[in-house]
């Protein structure tokens, strides 16, 4: 892209100041962006981490209509460092956009291409090459473009491989392959893209820190919030003793006491996880004997245990459900899944056959048929 006419700006500013009254104060002006390169911003969440790229978008065609396709990489954007008559001299990288710094901001520490980058805002620069690019995160994110780039301000350098891409008229940053603990950032322009990975190693710890902060506020006096926090500690396997404390607080006796199936089973699971088997048994017994409990409630708890790879315990729950609610949907489905989870394929198929006859609607029937196919495939 064309470099900003920096010297002309300085001369124009000096002339304006010379002609202005002594008492005048300099003011900013609201004008169209230089070169019609429009501002853009894109944000991606990685769990509770927020990553943002702010940039100005050059296009392949100039404002005058010149088509620069095939002349961008290695031409308009040179390979290697550029030579400029500016403070950075012969060591100017590409600014990754137009006009001011392209700014990369992360709310928490992340890893870029596997290398650590602390939380903060950074000037995002690139050293393009035919086969490999260097990506630079500079601690200076407030300058104009790369003209004031200083290698001593580098926070991180990583490398990435450019790839061919579908044609993109306007330079674009996007996030793809977004997952709970990682995402791929991608620069696209003309016929090229440059993907690079962002990841968070300690996501569960970040949530623990956030939960602790939340629970010290008004939110911590809400029983449902205490229960949800307890469930997080249980499901993540993090700080199980702390999770038990919040479950106990949620289940505490008193005028506002609420004993629900979800609360008591969470309490029982955390008691068991903390080596309190006898207490866990009592809590589970209370849960399974609550008035108004349905076969579906017990079935879902069994499925939850299976999700935690606790197949032996899940089977006991499915069997209890069969005793308490015989001939009730989804009892046979639970028994089929319980046997399947323990590798007992013959028994699982027998129960699934009974469940198929009992299915209350077409959707449930299709679910059982899929389960039967899974069991038969595993039995081969």
Protein backbone atom coordinates (compact mmCIF):
# COMPACT_ATOMS: atom_id res chain seq x y z
CA UNK A 1 0.00 0.00 0.00
CA UNK A 2 1.17 3.60 -0.48
CA UNK A 3 3.14 5.08 2.42
CA UNK A 4 1.67 8.09 4.22
CA UNK A 5 3.16 11.42 3.03
CA UNK A 6 4.60 12.07 6.47
CA UNK A 7 6.85 15.02 5.57
CA UNK A 8 4.05 16.81 3.76
CA UNK A 9 1.89 16.47 6.85
CA UNK A 10 4.62 18.02 9.01
CA UNK A 11 5.08 20.94 6.57
CA UNK A 12 1.33 21.52 6.34
CA UNK A 13 0.98 21.46 10.11
CA UNK A 14 3.87 23.89 10.53
CA UNK A 15 2.34 26.29 7.98
CA UNK A 16 -1.03 26.13 9.70
CA UNK A 17 0.53 26.87 13.09
CA UNK A 18 2.47 29.82 11.68
CA UNK A 19 -0.68 31.36 10.20
CA UNK A 20 -2.83 30.76 13.31
CA UNK A 21 -3.23 33.28 16.13
CA UNK A 22 -0.91 32.77 19.08
CA UNK A 23 -3.85 31.97 21.35
CA UNK A 24 -5.22 29.21 19.07
CA UNK A 25 -5.06 25.64 20.38
CA UNK A 26 -4.42 22.70 18.03
CA UNK A 27 -7.52 20.64 17.33
CA UNK A 28 -8.15 17.29 15.65
CA UNK A 29 -10.12 17.22 12.44
CA UNK A 30 -12.82 14.79 11.36
CA UNK A 31 -11.83 13.86 7.80
CA UNK A 32 -12.17 10.76 5.59
CA UNK A 33 -9.50 8.10 6.22
CA UNK A 34 -6.28 8.48 4.24
CA UNK A 35 -6.53 6.65 0.93
CA UNK A 36 -10.14 5.64 1.65
CA UNK A 37 -8.78 2.78 3.77
CA UNK A 38 -11.72 2.17 6.08
CA UNK A 39 -11.39 1.32 9.77
CA UNK A 40 -12.41 -2.18 10.87
CA UNK A 41 -12.36 -4.22 14.06
CA UNK A 42 -12.90 -7.93 14.73
CA UNK A 43 -13.15 -9.64 18.12
CA UNK A 44 -13.04 -13.33 18.99
CA UNK A 45 -13.74 -14.97 22.31
CA UNK A 46 -11.59 -17.89 23.42
CA UNK A 47 -13.47 -18.94 26.53
CA UNK A 48 -13.52 -15.80 28.64
CA UNK A 49 -10.48 -14.37 26.79
CA UNK A 50 -11.22 -11.62 24.26
CA UNK A 51 -8.87 -11.03 21.32
CA UNK A 52 -9.35 -8.00 19.05
CA UNK A 53 -7.64 -6.77 15.88
CA UNK A 54 -8.22 -3.12 14.88
CA UNK A 55 -6.97 -2.07 11.47
CA UNK A 56 -7.54 0.03 8.37
CA UNK A 57 -8.45 -1.87 5.18
CA UNK A 58 -6.62 -1.22 1.90
CA UNK A 59 -8.15 -2.72 -1.25
CA UNK A 60 -6.57 -4.28 -4.29
CA UNK A 61 -7.92 -1.49 -6.52
CA UNK A 62 -6.74 2.05 -5.80
CA UNK A 63 -9.25 4.90 -5.34
CA UNK A 64 -8.44 5.81 -8.96
CA UNK A 65 -9.39 2.29 -10.12
CA UNK A 66 -5.92 0.84 -10.75
CA UNK A 67 -5.98 -2.97 -10.43
CA UNK A 68 -3.02 -4.10 -8.35
CA UNK A 69 -3.79 -7.82 -8.37
CA UNK A 70 -0.55 -9.75 -8.80
CA UNK A 71 1.44 -6.71 -7.67
CA UNK A 72 0.70 -6.80 -3.93
CA UNK A 73 3.07 -9.40 -2.46
CA UNK A 74 6.70 -8.76 -3.17
CA UNK A 75 5.73 -5.45 -4.80
CA UNK A 76 3.46 -3.03 -3.00
CA UNK A 77 4.18 -5.04 0.15
CA UNK A 78 7.86 -5.94 -0.25
CA UNK A 79 9.41 -9.17 0.95
CA UNK A 80 11.70 -8.62 3.90
CA UNK A 81 12.18 -5.30 5.66
CA UNK A 82 11.40 -2.16 3.70
CA UNK A 83 13.71 0.81 3.23
CA UNK A 84 12.00 4.03 4.26
CA UNK A 85 13.24 7.58 4.87
CA UNK A 86 11.67 7.56 8.34
CA UNK A 87 12.94 6.98 11.89
CA UNK A 88 13.00 3.18 11.41
CA UNK A 89 15.37 3.66 8.45
CA UNK A 90 16.15 0.47 6.55
CA UNK A 91 14.36 -1.82 8.99
CA UNK A 92 10.67 -1.11 8.52
CA UNK A 93 8.27 -4.09 8.59
CA UNK A 94 4.81 -3.99 7.00
CA UNK A 95 2.08 -2.54 9.21
CA UNK A 96 -0.46 -5.27 8.38
CA UNK A 97 -2.99 -2.75 7.10
CA UNK A 98 -3.10 0.93 6.23
CA UNK A 99 -2.64 4.21 8.08
CA UNK A 100 -2.13 3.90 11.87
CA UNK A 101 -0.80 0.83 13.67
CA UNK A 102 -2.76 -2.34 13.25
CA UNK A 103 -3.51 -3.08 16.91
CA UNK A 104 -3.78 -6.56 18.43
CA UNK A 105 -5.32 -6.63 21.92
CA UNK A 106 -5.78 -9.61 24.22
CA UNK A 107 -7.60 -9.40 27.55
CA UNK A 108 -5.54 -12.23 29.08
CA UNK A 109 -2.22 -13.95 28.48
CA UNK A 110 -2.31 -16.12 25.34
CA UNK A 111 0.07 -18.13 23.21
CA UNK A 112 0.67 -17.20 19.58
CA UNK A 113 2.01 -20.07 17.49
CA UNK A 114 2.80 -21.73 20.82
CA UNK A 115 4.78 -18.77 22.20
CA UNK A 116 3.59 -16.72 25.22
CA UNK A 117 2.21 -13.20 24.81
CA UNK A 118 1.10 -11.28 27.94
CA UNK A 119 -2.25 -9.51 28.11
CA UNK A 120 -2.21 -6.04 26.53
CA UNK A 121 -2.31 -4.10 23.26
CA UNK A 122 0.39 -4.44 20.62
CA UNK A 123 1.31 -2.95 17.28
CA UNK A 124 0.95 -5.82 14.80
CA UNK A 125 3.62 -5.89 12.08
CA UNK A 126 4.82 -8.42 9.52
CA UNK A 127 7.95 -9.29 7.61
CA UNK A 128 6.53 -11.06 4.55
CA UNK A 129 8.45 -13.65 2.56
CA UNK A 130 7.66 -15.97 -0.35
CA UNK A 131 7.66 -19.08 1.89
CA UNK A 132 7.52 -17.78 5.47
CA UNK A 133 6.43 -14.66 7.31
CA UNK A 134 7.54 -13.21 10.62
CA UNK A 135 4.77 -11.79 12.80
CA UNK A 136 5.85 -9.05 15.20
CA UNK A 137 3.96 -7.90 18.29
CA UNK A 138 5.39 -4.53 19.31
CA UNK A 139 4.87 -2.88 22.69
CA UNK A 140 4.37 0.37 20.74
CA UNK A 141 0.81 0.30 19.40
CA UNK A 142 0.10 4.04 19.15
CA UNK A 143 2.34 5.13 16.26
CA UNK A 144 1.49 5.75 12.62
CA UNK A 145 1.99 2.54 10.69
CA UNK A 146 5.45 1.01 10.97
CA UNK A 147 7.34 4.27 10.50
CA UNK A 148 8.45 4.41 14.13
CA UNK A 149 9.03 0.68 14.50
CA UNK A 150 11.91 -0.14 16.87
CA UNK A 151 13.10 -3.72 17.27
CA UNK A 152 13.89 -2.99 20.94
CA UNK A 153 10.13 -2.65 21.53
CA UNK A 154 9.35 -6.17 20.30
CA UNK A 155 7.26 -8.19 22.75
CA UNK A 156 7.18 -11.32 20.56
CA UNK A 157 8.18 -12.61 17.15
CA UNK A 158 6.79 -15.81 15.63
CA UNK A 159 6.71 -17.29 12.14
CA UNK A 160 3.83 -18.54 9.99
CA UNK A 161 3.36 -19.97 6.50
CA UNK A 162 1.39 -18.02 3.86
CA UNK A 163 -1.21 -19.90 1.81
CA UNK A 164 -3.22 -19.37 -1.35
CA UNK A 165 -6.78 -18.21 -0.70
CA UNK A 166 -9.93 -17.13 -2.44
CA UNK A 167 -9.69 -13.61 -3.81
CA UNK A 168 -10.27 -10.90 -1.18
CA UNK A 169 -10.60 -7.31 -2.39
CA UNK A 170 -10.36 -5.60 1.01
CA UNK A 171 -7.69 -6.66 3.49
CA UNK A 172 -9.49 -8.73 6.13
CA UNK A 173 -8.67 -10.20 9.51
CA UNK A 174 -10.88 -13.07 10.60
CA UNK A 175 -10.98 -15.83 13.20
CA UNK A 176 -11.58 -19.43 12.17
CA UNK A 177 -11.62 -22.79 13.93
CA UNK A 178 -12.80 -21.16 17.15
CA UNK A 179 -12.64 -23.68 20.01
CA UNK A 180 -13.05 -23.39 23.80
CA UNK A 181 -9.28 -22.98 24.31
CA UNK A 182 -7.95 -21.91 20.90
CA UNK A 183 -8.68 -20.11 17.64
CA UNK A 184 -6.98 -19.43 14.34
CA UNK A 185 -6.43 -15.79 13.37
CA UNK A 186 -6.19 -15.22 9.64
CA UNK A 187 -5.00 -12.27 7.53
CA UNK A 188 -6.49 -12.35 4.02
CA UNK A 189 -5.84 -10.03 1.09
CA UNK A 190 -5.77 -10.46 -2.67
CA UNK A 191 -4.96 -14.18 -3.28
CA UNK A 192 -3.10 -14.86 -0.03
CA UNK A 193 -3.92 -15.74 3.55
CA UNK A 194 -1.72 -16.04 6.64
CA UNK A 195 -3.23 -18.19 9.41
CA UNK A 196 -1.68 -18.24 12.89
CA UNK A 197 -2.87 -19.97 16.04
CA UNK A 198 -3.92 -18.44 19.36
CA UNK A 199 -4.34 -20.63 22.42
CA UNK A 200 -4.93 -20.43 26.17
CA UNK A 201 -3.29 -23.09 28.35
CA UNK A 202 -4.94 -22.33 31.68
CA UNK A 203 -8.58 -21.69 30.76
CA UNK A 204 -9.99 -23.61 33.74
CA UNK A 205 -7.77 -21.58 36.08
CA UNK A 206 -9.07 -18.34 34.53
CA UNK A 207 -12.64 -19.43 35.23
CA UNK A 208 -11.73 -20.39 38.79
CA UNK A 209 -10.24 -16.93 39.31
CA UNK A 210 -13.32 -15.27 37.81
CA UNK A 211 -15.70 -17.40 39.90
CA UNK A 212 -13.85 -16.55 43.10
CA UNK A 213 -14.12 -12.87 42.27
CA UNK A 214 -17.82 -13.20 41.42
CA UNK A 215 -18.65 -15.14 44.56
CA UNK A 216 -17.10 -12.47 46.76
CA UNK A 217 -19.67 -10.00 45.42
CA UNK A 218 -23.45 -9.95 45.76
CA UNK A 219 -23.63 -12.90 43.36
CA UNK A 220 -22.14 -15.12 46.07
CA UNK A 221 -25.26 -14.80 48.23
CA UNK A 222 -27.45 -16.40 45.58
CA UNK A 223 -27.99 -20.14 46.14
CA UNK A 224 -28.27 -20.91 42.44
CA UNK A 225 -24.95 -19.18 41.80
CA UNK A 226 -23.35 -21.24 44.56
CA UNK A 227 -24.70 -24.39 42.97
CA UNK A 228 -23.47 -23.44 39.49
CA UNK A 229 -20.01 -22.70 40.90
CA UNK A 230 -19.99 -26.07 42.66
CA UNK A 231 -20.90 -27.79 39.40
CA UNK A 232 -18.08 -26.04 37.57
CA UNK A 233 -15.51 -27.22 40.11
CA UNK A 234 -16.90 -30.75 39.86
CA UNK A 235 -16.95 -30.91 36.06
CA UNK A 236 -13.54 -29.29 35.62
CA UNK A 237 -11.92 -31.39 38.33
CA UNK A 238 -10.41 -28.21 39.73
CA UNK A 239 -10.35 -27.36 43.43
CA UNK A 240 -12.83 -30.08 44.44
CA UNK A 241 -12.67 -29.12 48.12
CA UNK A 242 -13.66 -25.58 47.19
CA UNK A 243 -16.48 -26.94 45.06
CA UNK A 244 -17.77 -29.00 47.99
CA UNK A 245 -17.80 -25.91 50.20
CA UNK A 246 -20.04 -24.06 47.72
CA UNK A 247 -22.33 -27.08 47.35
CA UNK A 248 -22.65 -27.30 51.14
CA UNK A 249 -23.46 -23.59 51.35
CA UNK A 250 -26.09 -23.97 48.63
CA UNK A 251 -27.69 -26.89 50.50
CA UNK A 252 -27.43 -25.35 53.98
CA UNK A 253 -30.45 -25.76 56.25
CA UNK A 254 -32.47 -22.67 57.04
CA UNK A 255 -35.64 -20.79 56.21
CA UNK A 256 -34.53 -20.40 52.59
CA UNK A 257 -33.54 -24.04 52.28
CA UNK A 258 -34.14 -25.63 48.89
CA UNK A 259 -33.45 -29.29 48.35
CA UNK A 260 -33.54 -30.07 44.63
CA UNK A 261 -32.42 -33.16 42.78
CA UNK A 262 -29.71 -31.26 40.94
CA UNK A 263 -28.35 -29.74 44.14
CA UNK A 264 -28.30 -32.99 46.12
CA UNK A 265 -26.70 -35.03 43.33
CA UNK A 266 -24.03 -32.34 42.88
CA UNK A 267 -23.42 -32.39 46.63
CA UNK A 268 -23.20 -36.19 46.57
CA UNK A 269 -20.74 -36.18 43.66
CA UNK A 270 -18.49 -33.63 45.35
CA UNK A 271 -18.61 -35.50 48.64
CA UNK A 272 -17.57 -38.66 46.83
CA UNK A 273 -14.81 -36.78 44.97
CA UNK A 274 -13.48 -35.55 48.32
CA UNK A 275 -13.37 -39.06 49.82
CA UNK A 276 -16.57 -38.71 51.87
CA UNK A 277 -18.30 -41.85 50.62
CA UNK A 278 -20.71 -42.24 53.54
CA UNK A 279 -21.94 -38.65 53.31
CA UNK A 280 -22.20 -38.99 49.53
CA UNK A 281 -24.42 -42.06 49.93
CA UNK A 282 -26.77 -40.24 52.28
CA UNK A 283 -27.03 -37.21 49.96
CA UNK A 284 -27.73 -39.42 46.97
CA UNK A 285 -30.39 -41.35 48.89
CA UNK A 286 -32.10 -38.09 49.80
CA UNK A 287 -31.96 -37.00 46.15
CA UNK A 288 -33.42 -40.24 44.82
CA UNK A 289 -36.31 -40.14 47.30
CA UNK A 290 -37.41 -36.56 46.72
CA UNK A 291 -41.16 -36.21 46.13
CA UNK A 292 -42.11 -35.44 42.56
CA UNK A 293 -38.99 -37.06 41.11
CA UNK A 294 -39.50 -38.54 37.64
CA UNK A 295 -37.88 -41.33 35.66
CA UNK A 296 -36.41 -38.71 33.32
CA UNK A 297 -34.74 -36.92 36.27
CA UNK A 298 -32.98 -40.10 37.36
CA UNK A 299 -32.11 -41.04 33.78
CA UNK A 300 -30.43 -37.69 33.17
CA UNK A 301 -28.36 -38.09 36.32
CA UNK A 302 -27.20 -41.49 35.10
CA UNK A 303 -26.22 -39.95 31.77
CA UNK A 304 -24.35 -37.23 33.63
CA UNK A 305 -22.34 -39.89 35.48
CA UNK A 306 -21.55 -41.57 32.17
CA UNK A 307 -20.31 -38.25 30.86
CA UNK A 308 -17.87 -38.25 33.78
CA UNK A 309 -16.74 -41.80 32.84
CA UNK A 310 -18.33 -43.15 36.03
CA UNK A 311 -20.01 -46.07 34.27
CA UNK A 312 -20.34 -48.41 37.27
CA UNK A 313 -22.14 -45.73 39.29
CA UNK A 314 -24.28 -44.82 36.29
CA UNK A 315 -25.43 -48.45 35.93
CA UNK A 316 -26.56 -48.50 39.56
CA UNK A 317 -28.62 -45.36 38.96
CA UNK A 318 -30.23 -46.86 35.82
CA UNK A 319 -31.07 -50.04 37.77
CA UNK A 320 -32.57 -48.03 40.61
CA UNK A 321 -34.66 -46.16 38.05
CA UNK A 322 -35.99 -49.48 36.72
CA UNK A 323 -37.04 -50.56 40.20
CA UNK A 324 -38.71 -47.27 41.05
CA UNK A 325 -40.35 -46.64 37.67
CA UNK A 326 -40.82 -50.03 35.94
CA UNK A 327 -42.21 -49.98 32.39
CA UNK A 328 -41.69 -46.20 32.21
CA UNK A 329 -39.87 -44.34 29.43
CA UNK A 330 -36.82 -43.91 29.36
CA UNK A 331 -35.93 -46.70 31.84
CA UNK A 332 -34.98 -49.29 29.19
CA UNK A 333 -32.93 -46.72 27.29
CA UNK A 334 -30.96 -46.07 30.47
CA UNK A 335 -30.37 -49.78 31.06
CA UNK A 336 -29.25 -50.18 27.44
CA UNK A 337 -26.80 -47.30 27.79
CA UNK A 338 -25.60 -48.59 31.14
CA UNK A 339 -24.81 -52.06 29.77
CA UNK A 340 -23.24 -50.52 26.67
CA UNK A 341 -20.98 -48.33 28.80
CA UNK A 342 -19.74 -51.45 30.59
CA UNK A 343 -19.14 -53.34 27.36
CA UNK A 344 -22.06 -55.74 27.83
CA UNK A 345 -23.34 -55.63 24.26
CA UNK A 346 -25.80 -58.55 24.39
CA UNK A 347 -27.62 -57.13 27.40
CA UNK A 348 -27.51 -53.64 25.89
CA UNK A 349 -29.18 -54.83 22.68
CA UNK A 350 -31.91 -56.64 24.63
CA UNK A 351 -32.77 -53.50 26.62
CA UNK A 352 -32.59 -51.33 23.49
CA UNK A 353 -35.10 -53.64 21.81
CA UNK A 354 -37.53 -53.11 24.68
CA UNK A 355 -36.90 -49.36 24.54
CA UNK A 356 -37.66 -49.32 20.81
CA UNK A 357 -41.12 -50.78 21.43
CA UNK A 358 -41.70 -48.24 24.20
CA UNK A 359 -40.56 -45.10 22.31
CA UNK A 360 -43.23 -42.40 22.80
CA UNK A 361 -42.61 -40.56 19.51
CA UNK A 362 -40.68 -40.68 16.24
CA UNK A 363 -37.77 -38.64 17.58
CA UNK A 364 -37.28 -41.01 20.52
CA UNK A 365 -37.56 -44.00 18.18
CA UNK A 366 -34.81 -42.63 15.92
CA UNK A 367 -32.61 -42.06 18.96
CA UNK A 368 -32.98 -45.69 20.03
CA UNK A 369 -32.33 -46.92 16.49
CA UNK A 370 -29.10 -44.91 16.43
CA UNK A 371 -28.11 -46.42 19.79
CA UNK A 372 -28.76 -49.93 18.46
CA UNK A 373 -26.54 -49.23 15.45
CA UNK A 374 -23.76 -48.02 17.76
CA UNK A 375 -24.02 -51.14 19.94
CA UNK A 376 -24.04 -53.48 16.94
CA UNK A 377 -20.99 -51.73 15.46
CA UNK A 378 -19.10 -52.04 18.74
CA UNK A 379 -20.06 -55.70 19.11
CA UNK A 380 -18.46 -56.70 15.78
